[in-house]
C-alpha atoms as a PDB file:
ATOM      1  CA  MET A   1     -39.040-241.449 -75.711  1.00  0.00           C
ATOM      2  CA  LYS A   2     -37.993-245.091 -75.487  1.00  0.00           C
ATOM      3  CA  ILE A   3     -38.582-247.292 -78.523  1.00  0.00           C
ATOM      4  CA  LEU A   4     -38.128-251.051 -78.679  1.00  0.00           C
ATOM      5  CA  ILE A   5     -37.763-252.725 -82.063  1.00  0.00           C
ATOM      6  CA  VAL A   6     -38.059-256.516 -82.035  1.00  0.00           C
ATOM      7  CA  LEU A   7     -36.749-258.335 -85.114  1.00  0.00           C
ATOM      8  CA  ASN A   8     -37.689-261.975 -85.741  1.00  0.00           C
ATOM      9  CA  ASP A   9     -36.906-262.913 -89.348  1.00  0.00           C
ATOM     10  CA  PRO A  10     -33.601-264.041 -90.875  1.00  0.00           C
ATOM     11  CA  PRO A  11     -31.280-261.274 -92.062  1.00  0.00           C
ATOM     12  CA  TYR A  12     -31.730-262.282 -95.698  1.00  0.00           C
ATOM     13  CA  GLY A  13     -34.574-263.949 -97.572  1.00  0.00           C
ATOM     14  CA  THR A  14     -37.190-261.438 -96.415  1.00  0.00           C
ATOM     15  CA  GLU A  15     -36.798-257.712 -95.977  1.00  0.00           C
ATOM     16  CA  ARG A  16     -38.242-257.397 -92.470  1.00  0.00           C
ATOM     17  CA  VAL A  17     -34.859-257.092 -90.727  1.00  0.00           C
ATOM     18  CA  TYR A  18     -33.664-254.702 -93.423  1.00  0.00           C
ATOM     19  CA  ASN A  19     -36.762-252.520 -93.058  1.00  0.00           C
ATOM     20  CA  GLY A  20     -36.635-252.610 -89.258  1.00  0.00           C
ATOM     21  CA  LEU A  21     -33.022-251.448 -89.375  1.00  0.00           C
ATOM     22  CA  ARG A  22     -33.855-248.757 -91.926  1.00  0.00           C
ATOM     23  CA  LEU A  23     -36.422-247.423 -89.483  1.00  0.00           C
ATOM     24  CA  ALA A  24     -33.956-247.653 -86.576  1.00  0.00           C
ATOM     25  CA  MET A  25     -31.352-245.704 -88.544  1.00  0.00           C
ATOM     26  CA  ASN A  26     -33.882-243.055 -89.544  1.00  0.00           C
ATOM     27  CA  LEU A  27     -35.115-242.687 -85.960  1.00  0.00           C
ATOM     28  CA  GLN A  28     -31.534-242.074 -84.856  1.00  0.00           C
ATOM     29  CA  ALA A  29     -30.929-239.588 -87.659  1.00  0.00           C
ATOM     30  CA  LYS A  30     -34.152-237.592 -87.246  1.00  0.00           C
ATOM     31  CA  HIS A  31     -34.853-237.906 -83.508  1.00  0.00           C
ATOM     32  CA  GLU A  32     -31.661-237.882 -81.468  1.00  0.00           C
ATOM     33  CA  GLN A  33     -33.597-237.843 -78.185  1.00  0.00           C
ATOM     34  CA  VAL A  34     -35.032-241.329 -78.842  1.00  0.00           C
ATOM     35  CA  GLU A  35     -33.597-244.131 -76.691  1.00  0.00           C
ATOM     36  CA  LEU A  36     -33.559-247.128 -78.982  1.00  0.00           C
ATOM     37  CA  THR A  37     -33.315-250.827 -78.177  1.00  0.00           C
ATOM     38  CA  VAL A  38     -33.152-253.438 -80.934  1.00  0.00           C
ATOM     39  CA  PHE A  39     -33.826-256.990 -79.777  1.00  0.00           C
ATOM     40  CA  LEU A  40     -32.988-259.831 -82.169  1.00  0.00           C
ATOM     41  CA  MET A  41     -34.745-263.130 -81.617  1.00  0.00           C
ATOM     42  CA  GLY A  42     -35.461-266.263 -83.602  1.00  0.00           C
ATOM     43  CA  ASP A  43     -33.744-266.254 -86.963  1.00  0.00           C
ATOM     44  CA  ALA A  44     -32.944-262.549 -86.556  1.00  0.00           C
ATOM     45  CA  ALA A  45     -30.223-263.557 -84.074  1.00  0.00           C
ATOM     46  CA  SER A  46     -28.101-264.362 -87.124  1.00  0.00           C
ATOM     47  CA  ALA A  47     -28.260-260.710 -88.175  1.00  0.00           C
ATOM     48  CA  ALA A  48     -25.784-259.862 -85.392  1.00  0.00           C
ATOM     49  CA  LYS A  49     -23.177-262.306 -86.696  1.00  0.00           C
ATOM     50  CA  SER A  50     -20.029-260.590 -87.924  1.00  0.00           C
ATOM     51  CA  GLY A  51     -18.462-261.437 -91.256  1.00  0.00           C
ATOM     52  CA  TRP A  52     -21.428-261.283 -93.638  1.00  0.00           C
ATOM     53  CA  GLN A  53     -20.295-260.975 -97.251  1.00  0.00           C
ATOM     54  CA  THR A  54     -22.845-259.472 -99.624  1.00  0.00           C
ATOM     55  CA  PRO A  55     -22.536-258.548-103.300  1.00  0.00           C
ATOM     56  CA  ASN A  56     -21.657-254.962-104.164  1.00  0.00           C
ATOM     57  CA  GLY A  57     -24.800-252.866-104.287  1.00  0.00           C
ATOM     58  CA  TYR A  58     -26.746-255.223-101.989  1.00  0.00           C
ATOM     59  CA  TYR A  59     -27.688-254.134 -98.495  1.00  0.00           C
ATOM     60  CA  ASN A  60     -25.533-255.468 -95.664  1.00  0.00           C
ATOM     61  CA  VAL A  61     -27.395-256.082 -92.402  1.00  0.00           C
ATOM     62  CA  GLU A  62     -24.147-256.292 -90.427  1.00  0.00           C
ATOM     63  CA  ARG A  63     -23.115-252.775 -91.454  1.00  0.00           C
ATOM     64  CA  MET A  64     -26.598-251.437 -90.745  1.00  0.00           C
ATOM     65  CA  LEU A  65     -26.765-253.048 -87.292  1.00  0.00           C
ATOM     66  CA  ALA A  66     -23.240-251.892 -86.441  1.00  0.00           C
ATOM     67  CA  SER A  67     -24.218-248.334 -87.370  1.00  0.00           C
ATOM     68  CA  VAL A  68     -27.260-248.473 -85.096  1.00  0.00           C
ATOM     69  CA  ALA A  69     -25.094-249.755 -82.229  1.00  0.00           C
ATOM     70  CA  ARG A  70     -22.389-247.107 -82.796  1.00  0.00           C
ATOM     71  CA  LYS A  71     -25.022-244.390 -82.549  1.00  0.00           C
ATOM     72  CA  GLY A  72     -26.038-245.548 -79.078  1.00  0.00           C
ATOM     73  CA  ALA A  73     -28.793-248.118 -79.506  1.00  0.00           C
ATOM     74  CA  ALA A  74     -28.776-251.173 -77.295  1.00  0.00           C
ATOM     75  CA  VAL A  75     -28.491-254.181 -79.619  1.00  0.00           C
ATOM     76  CA  LEU A  76     -29.539-257.287 -77.715  1.00  0.00           C
ATOM     77  CA  VAL A  77     -29.575-260.847 -79.033  1.00  0.00           C
ATOM     78  CA  CYS A  78     -31.661-263.630 -77.517  1.00  0.00           C
ATOM     79  CA  GLY A  79     -29.220-266.051 -75.890  1.00  0.00           C
ATOM     80  CA  MET A  80     -31.409-269.136 -76.387  1.00  0.00           C
ATOM     81  CA  CYS A  81     -31.823-268.191 -80.047  1.00  0.00           C
ATOM     82  CA  MET A  82     -28.039-267.834 -80.333  1.00  0.00           C
ATOM     83  CA  ASP A  83     -27.531-271.281 -78.801  1.00  0.00           C
ATOM     84  CA  ALA A  84     -30.031-272.836 -81.225  1.00  0.00           C
ATOM     85  CA  ARG A  85     -28.024-271.375 -84.117  1.00  0.00           C
ATOM     86  CA  GLY A  86     -24.560-272.193 -82.775  1.00  0.00           C
ATOM     87  CA  LEU A  87     -23.632-268.551 -82.156  1.00  0.00           C
ATOM     88  CA  THR A  88     -21.432-267.325 -79.312  1.00  0.00           C
ATOM     89  CA  GLN A  89     -20.699-263.799 -78.081  1.00  0.00           C
ATOM     90  CA  ASP A  90     -17.421-263.986 -80.027  1.00  0.00           C
ATOM     91  CA  ASP A  91     -19.440-264.456 -83.242  1.00  0.00           C
ATOM     92  CA  LEU A  92     -21.366-261.228 -82.752  1.00  0.00           C
ATOM     93  CA  LEU A  93     -20.501-257.877 -84.245  1.00  0.00           C
ATOM     94  CA  GLU A  94     -19.082-255.202 -81.969  1.00  0.00           C
ATOM     95  CA  GLY A  95     -21.836-253.572 -79.955  1.00  0.00           C
ATOM     96  CA  ALA A  96     -24.233-256.540 -79.984  1.00  0.00           C
ATOM     97  CA  LEU A  97     -24.731-258.352 -76.692  1.00  0.00           C
ATOM     98  CA  ARG A  98     -26.077-261.750 -75.742  1.00  0.00           C
ATOM     99  CA  SER A  99     -29.288-261.171 -73.821  1.00  0.00           C
ATOM    100  CA  THR A 100     -32.239-262.844 -72.113  1.00  0.00           C
ATOM    101  CA  MET A 101     -36.009-262.978 -72.058  1.00  0.00           C
ATOM    102  CA  ASP A 102     -35.820-261.075 -68.763  1.00  0.00           C
ATOM    103  CA  ALA A 103     -34.044-258.211 -70.550  1.00  0.00           C
ATOM    104  CA  LEU A 104     -36.669-258.231 -73.322  1.00  0.00           C
ATOM    105  CA  THR A 105     -39.397-258.198 -70.693  1.00  0.00           C
ATOM    106  CA  GLN A 106     -37.835-255.188 -68.982  1.00  0.00           C
ATOM    107  CA  ALA A 107     -37.293-253.372 -72.290  1.00  0.00           C
ATOM    108  CA  THR A 108     -40.953-254.010 -73.128  1.00  0.00           C
ATOM    109  CA  VAL A 109     -42.147-252.579 -69.811  1.00  0.00           C
ATOM    110  CA  ASP A 110     -39.844-249.559 -70.163  1.00  0.00           C
ATOM    111  CA  ALA A 111     -40.717-248.774 -73.801  1.00  0.00           C
ATOM    112  CA  ASP A 112     -43.108-246.049 -74.852  1.00  0.00           C
ATOM    113  CA  LYS A 113     -43.472-247.704 -78.251  1.00  0.00           C
ATOM    114  CA  ILE A 114     -42.830-251.251 -79.424  1.00  0.00           C
ATOM    115  CA  LEU A 115     -42.400-252.199 -83.077  1.00  0.00           C
ATOM    116  CA  VAL A 116     -42.202-255.825 -84.180  1.00  0.00           C
ATOM    117  CA  PHE A 117     -40.836-256.948 -87.538  1.00  0.00           C
END
C-alpha cells in the first residue's frame, strides 16, 4: 500500500507536523510493507532544515523526519516553498530532497491513501 502524507504547518507552534511524523513513524514500525511518501509544503518546508536545537525533553522534528527518511520513506520538500523561505538543498537534512508540484501530483495519483496535516 502506498501512503502519501502532506504536511503544511510550521515545525513548531502547532503540533500538526509532529503528529503527522508520529503517524509516519508508527506506520513504518507496524506496517513494513507500506510505501511512504512525506511531502512538506508551505511552512512545513522548514521542518526539513538541519540544525534545529530544541530543549531537552522537547520533541525534535529534525530527528523524527530523519528517522522516517532512514527507514525508506521518500521525504520531498516543495521547491517553491523552499525558495520563499530562503532554503537550499544544502540546508536540508540528509534524506530530504527538493521537489516539485509535478512530483506531488504523481505521488497523489500513485497513492492508495492520502493524509493531510
